[in-house]
C-alpha atoms as a PDB file:
ATOM      1  CA  PRO A   1       0.000   0.000   0.000  1.00  0.00           C
ATOM      2  CA  PRO A   2       1.118   3.615  -0.449  1.00  0.00           C
ATOM      3  CA  LEU A   3       2.883   5.431   2.380  1.00  0.00           C
ATOM      4  CA  GLY A   4       0.315   6.727   4.870  1.00  0.00           C
ATOM      5  CA  SER A   5      -2.208   4.033   3.987  1.00  0.00           C
ATOM      6  CA  ARG A   6      -4.354   2.644   6.785  1.00  0.00           C
ATOM      7  CA  GLU A   7      -4.278  -0.827   5.266  1.00  0.00           C
ATOM      8  CA  ILE A   8      -2.424  -3.443   7.293  1.00  0.00           C
ATOM      9  CA  GLN A   9      -0.228  -5.804   5.309  1.00  0.00           C
ATOM     10  CA  TYR A  10       0.448  -9.228   6.832  1.00  0.00           C
ATOM     11  CA  PRO A  11       2.620 -10.557   8.265  1.00  0.00           C
ATOM     12  CA  VAL A  12       3.211  -7.717  10.700  1.00  0.00           C
ATOM     13  CA  ARG A  13       6.737  -7.631  12.114  1.00  0.00           C
ATOM     14  CA  VAL A  14       7.956  -5.521  15.000  1.00  0.00           C
ATOM     15  CA  PHE A  15      11.666  -4.868  15.424  1.00  0.00           C
ATOM     16  CA  ILE A  16      13.191  -3.188  18.449  1.00  0.00           C
ATOM     17  CA  LEU A  17      16.778  -2.171  17.825  1.00  0.00           C
ATOM     18  CA  PRO A  18      18.435  -0.615  20.878  1.00  0.00           C
ATOM     19  CA  ARG A  19      21.121   1.873  19.909  1.00  0.00           C
ATOM     20  CA  PHE A  20      22.781   2.114  23.289  1.00  0.00           C
ATOM     21  CA  ASP A  21      24.678  -0.017  25.768  1.00  0.00           C
ATOM     22  CA  PRO A  22      22.272  -2.663  27.175  1.00  0.00           C
ATOM     23  CA  SER A  23      23.905  -2.318  30.595  1.00  0.00           C
ATOM     24  CA  THR A  24      22.843   1.339  30.869  1.00  0.00           C
ATOM     25  CA  PRO A  25      20.562   1.876  33.894  1.00  0.00           C
ATOM     26  CA  GLY A  26      16.882   2.011  32.929  1.00  0.00           C
ATOM     27  CA  VAL A  27      17.286   0.160  29.630  1.00  0.00           C
ATOM     28  CA  ASP A  28      15.018  -2.718  30.698  1.00  0.00           C
ATOM     29  CA  GLU A  29      12.159  -0.341  31.497  1.00  0.00           C
ATOM     30  CA  CYS A  30      12.718   1.626  28.286  1.00  0.00           C
ATOM     31  CA  LEU A  31      12.688  -1.511  26.140  1.00  0.00           C
ATOM     32  CA  ALA A  32       9.546  -2.798  27.888  1.00  0.00           C
ATOM     33  CA  LEU A  33       7.528   0.347  27.274  1.00  0.00           C
ATOM     34  CA  THR A  34       8.849   0.767  23.720  1.00  0.00           C
ATOM     35  CA  THR A  35       7.972  -2.844  22.911  1.00  0.00           C
ATOM     36  CA  THR A  36       4.464  -2.442  24.357  1.00  0.00           C
ATOM     37  CA  HIS A  37       3.990   0.755  22.317  1.00  0.00           C
ATOM     38  CA  GLU A  38       5.191  -0.882  19.091  1.00  0.00           C
ATOM     39  CA  LEU A  39       2.978  -3.931  19.672  1.00  0.00           C
ATOM     40  CA  GLY A  40       0.075  -1.482  19.873  1.00  0.00           C
ATOM     41  CA  HIS A  41       0.925  -0.424  16.322  1.00  0.00           C
ATOM     42  CA  ALA A  42       1.258  -4.076  15.285  1.00  0.00           C
ATOM     43  CA  ILE A  43      -2.284  -4.888  16.451  1.00  0.00           C
ATOM     44  CA  GLY A  44      -3.703  -2.000  14.461  1.00  0.00           C
ATOM     45  CA  ILE A  45      -3.438   1.163  16.552  1.00  0.00           C
ATOM     46  CA  LEU A  46      -1.761   3.149  13.809  1.00  0.00           C
ATOM     47  CA  ALA A  47      -2.043   6.645  15.264  1.00  0.00           C
ATOM     48  CA  HIS A  48      -0.284   8.130  18.256  1.00  0.00           C
ATOM     49  CA  SER A  49      -2.146   9.494  21.256  1.00  0.00           C
ATOM     50  CA  SER A  50      -1.813  13.143  22.269  1.00  0.00           C
ATOM     51  CA  VAL A  51      -2.145  12.191  25.948  1.00  0.00           C
ATOM     52  CA  GLU A  52       1.120  11.625  27.846  1.00  0.00           C
ATOM     53  CA  THR A  53      -0.395   8.988  30.148  1.00  0.00           C
ATOM     54  CA  ASP A  54      -1.183   6.665  27.224  1.00  0.00           C
ATOM     55  CA  ILE A  55       1.263   3.957  26.124  1.00  0.00           C
ATOM     56  CA  MET A  56       0.419   5.032  22.562  1.00  0.00           C
ATOM     57  CA  TYR A  57       1.708   8.586  23.178  1.00  0.00           C
ATOM     58  CA  PHE A  58       4.322   9.379  20.499  1.00  0.00           C
ATOM     59  CA  ASP A  59       7.158   9.239  23.071  1.00  0.00           C
ATOM     60  CA  PRO A  60       5.734   6.970  25.801  1.00  0.00           C
ATOM     61  CA  VAL A  61       6.736   7.554  29.405  1.00  0.00           C
ATOM     62  CA  VAL A  62       4.339   5.110  31.091  1.00  0.00           C
ATOM     63  CA  SER A  63       4.759   1.349  31.150  1.00  0.00           C
ATOM     64  CA  THR A  64       1.154   0.205  31.481  1.00  0.00           C
ATOM     65  CA  LEU A  65      -1.966   0.587  29.389  1.00  0.00           C
ATOM     66  CA  SER A  66      -4.216   3.466  30.331  1.00  0.00           C
ATOM     67  CA  THR A  67      -7.999   3.294  30.349  1.00  0.00           C
ATOM     68  CA  ARG A  68      -7.871   5.181  27.025  1.00  0.00           C
ATOM     69  CA  ASP A  69      -5.431   2.631  25.543  1.00  0.00           C
ATOM     70  CA  ARG A  70      -7.722  -0.214  26.591  1.00  0.00           C
ATOM     71  CA  ALA A  71     -10.772   1.562  25.153  1.00  0.00           C
ATOM     72  CA  THR A  72      -8.927   2.125  21.849  1.00  0.00           C
ATOM     73  CA  ILE A  73      -8.097  -1.589  21.596  1.00  0.00           C
ATOM     74  CA  GLU A  74     -11.699  -2.533  22.352  1.00  0.00           C
ATOM     75  CA  LEU A  75     -12.969  -0.080  19.705  1.00  0.00           C
ATOM     76  CA  ALA A  76     -10.433  -1.310  17.151  1.00  0.00           C
ATOM     77  CA  TYR A  77     -11.671  -4.854  17.592  1.00  0.00           C
ATOM     78  CA  HIS A  78     -15.333  -3.931  18.113  1.00  0.00           C
ATOM     79  CA  LEU A  79     -15.451  -5.698  21.463  1.00  0.00           C
ATOM     80  CA  GLU A  80     -17.624  -4.994  24.436  1.00  0.00           C
ATOM     81  CA  PRO A  81     -15.482  -3.581  27.279  1.00  0.00           C
ATOM     82  CA  ASN A  82     -14.265  -6.490  29.347  1.00  0.00           C
ATOM     83  CA  LEU A  83     -10.966  -5.232  30.735  1.00  0.00           C
ATOM     84  CA  SER A  84     -10.460  -3.591  34.064  1.00  0.00           C
ATOM     85  CA  ALA A  85      -7.480  -1.952  35.685  1.00  0.00           C
ATOM     86  CA  PRO A  86      -6.289  -3.521  38.932  1.00  0.00           C
ATOM     87  CA  ALA A  87      -7.039  -1.511  42.072  1.00  0.00           C
ATOM     88  CA  HIS A  88      -3.973  -0.110  43.753  1.00  0.00           C
END
Protein backbone atom coordinates (compact mmCIF):
# COMPACT_ATOMS: atom_id res chain seq x y z
CA PRO A 1 0.00 0.00 0.00
CA PRO A 2 1.12 3.61 -0.45
CA LEU A 3 2.88 5.43 2.38
CA GLY A 4 0.32 6.73 4.87
CA SER A 5 -2.21 4.03 3.99
CA ARG A 6 -4.35 2.64 6.78
CA GLU A 7 -4.28 -0.83 5.27
CA ILE A 8 -2.42 -3.44 7.29
CA GLN A 9 -0.23 -5.80 5.31
CA TYR A 10 0.45 -9.23 6.83
CA PRO A 11 2.62 -10.56 8.27
CA VAL A 12 3.21 -7.72 10.70
CA ARG A 13 6.74 -7.63 12.11
CA VAL A 14 7.96 -5.52 15.00
CA PHE A 15 11.67 -4.87 15.42
CA ILE A 16 13.19 -3.19 18.45
CA LEU A 17 16.78 -2.17 17.82
CA PRO A 18 18.43 -0.61 20.88
CA ARG A 19 21.12 1.87 19.91
CA PHE A 20 22.78 2.11 23.29
CA ASP A 21 24.68 -0.02 25.77
CA PRO A 22 22.27 -2.66 27.17
CA SER A 23 23.90 -2.32 30.60
CA THR A 24 22.84 1.34 30.87
CA PRO A 25 20.56 1.88 33.89
CA GLY A 26 16.88 2.01 32.93
CA VAL A 27 17.29 0.16 29.63
CA ASP A 28 15.02 -2.72 30.70
CA GLU A 29 12.16 -0.34 31.50
CA CYS A 30 12.72 1.63 28.29
CA LEU A 31 12.69 -1.51 26.14
CA ALA A 32 9.55 -2.80 27.89
CA LEU A 33 7.53 0.35 27.27
CA THR A 34 8.85 0.77 23.72
CA THR A 35 7.97 -2.84 22.91
CA THR A 36 4.46 -2.44 24.36
CA HIS A 37 3.99 0.75 22.32
CA GLU A 38 5.19 -0.88 19.09
CA LEU A 39 2.98 -3.93 19.67
CA GLY A 40 0.07 -1.48 19.87
CA HIS A 41 0.92 -0.42 16.32
CA ALA A 42 1.26 -4.08 15.28
CA ILE A 43 -2.28 -4.89 16.45
CA GLY A 44 -3.70 -2.00 14.46
CA ILE A 45 -3.44 1.16 16.55
CA LEU A 46 -1.76 3.15 13.81
CA ALA A 47 -2.04 6.65 15.26
CA HIS A 48 -0.28 8.13 18.26
CA SER A 49 -2.15 9.49 21.26
CA SER A 50 -1.81 13.14 22.27
CA VAL A 51 -2.14 12.19 25.95
CA GLU A 52 1.12 11.62 27.85
CA THR A 53 -0.40 8.99 30.15
CA ASP A 54 -1.18 6.66 27.22
CA ILE A 55 1.26 3.96 26.12
CA MET A 56 0.42 5.03 22.56
CA TYR A 57 1.71 8.59 23.18
CA PHE A 58 4.32 9.38 20.50
CA ASP A 59 7.16 9.24 23.07
CA PRO A 60 5.73 6.97 25.80
CA VAL A 61 6.74 7.55 29.40
CA VAL A 62 4.34 5.11 31.09
CA SER A 63 4.76 1.35 31.15
CA THR A 64 1.15 0.20 31.48
CA LEU A 65 -1.97 0.59 29.39
CA SER A 66 -4.22 3.47 30.33
CA THR A 67 -8.00 3.29 30.35
CA ARG A 68 -7.87 5.18 27.03
CA ASP A 69 -5.43 2.63 25.54
CA ARG A 70 -7.72 -0.21 26.59
CA ALA A 71 -10.77 1.56 25.15
CA THR A 72 -8.93 2.13 21.85
CA ILE A 73 -8.10 -1.59 21.60
CA GLU A 74 -11.70 -2.53 22.35
CA LEU A 75 -12.97 -0.08 19.70
CA ALA A 76 -10.43 -1.31 17.15
CA TYR A 77 -11.67 -4.85 17.59
CA HIS A 78 -15.33 -3.93 18.11
CA LEU A 79 -15.45 -5.70 21.46
CA GLU A 80 -17.62 -4.99 24.44
CA PRO A 81 -15.48 -3.58 27.28
CA ASN A 82 -14.27 -6.49 29.35
CA LEU A 83 -10.97 -5.23 30.73
CA SER A 84 -10.46 -3.59 34.06
CA ALA A 85 -7.48 -1.95 35.69
CA PRO A 86 -6.29 -3.52 38.93
CA ALA A 87 -7.04 -1.51 42.07
CA HIS A 88 -3.97 -0.11 43.75
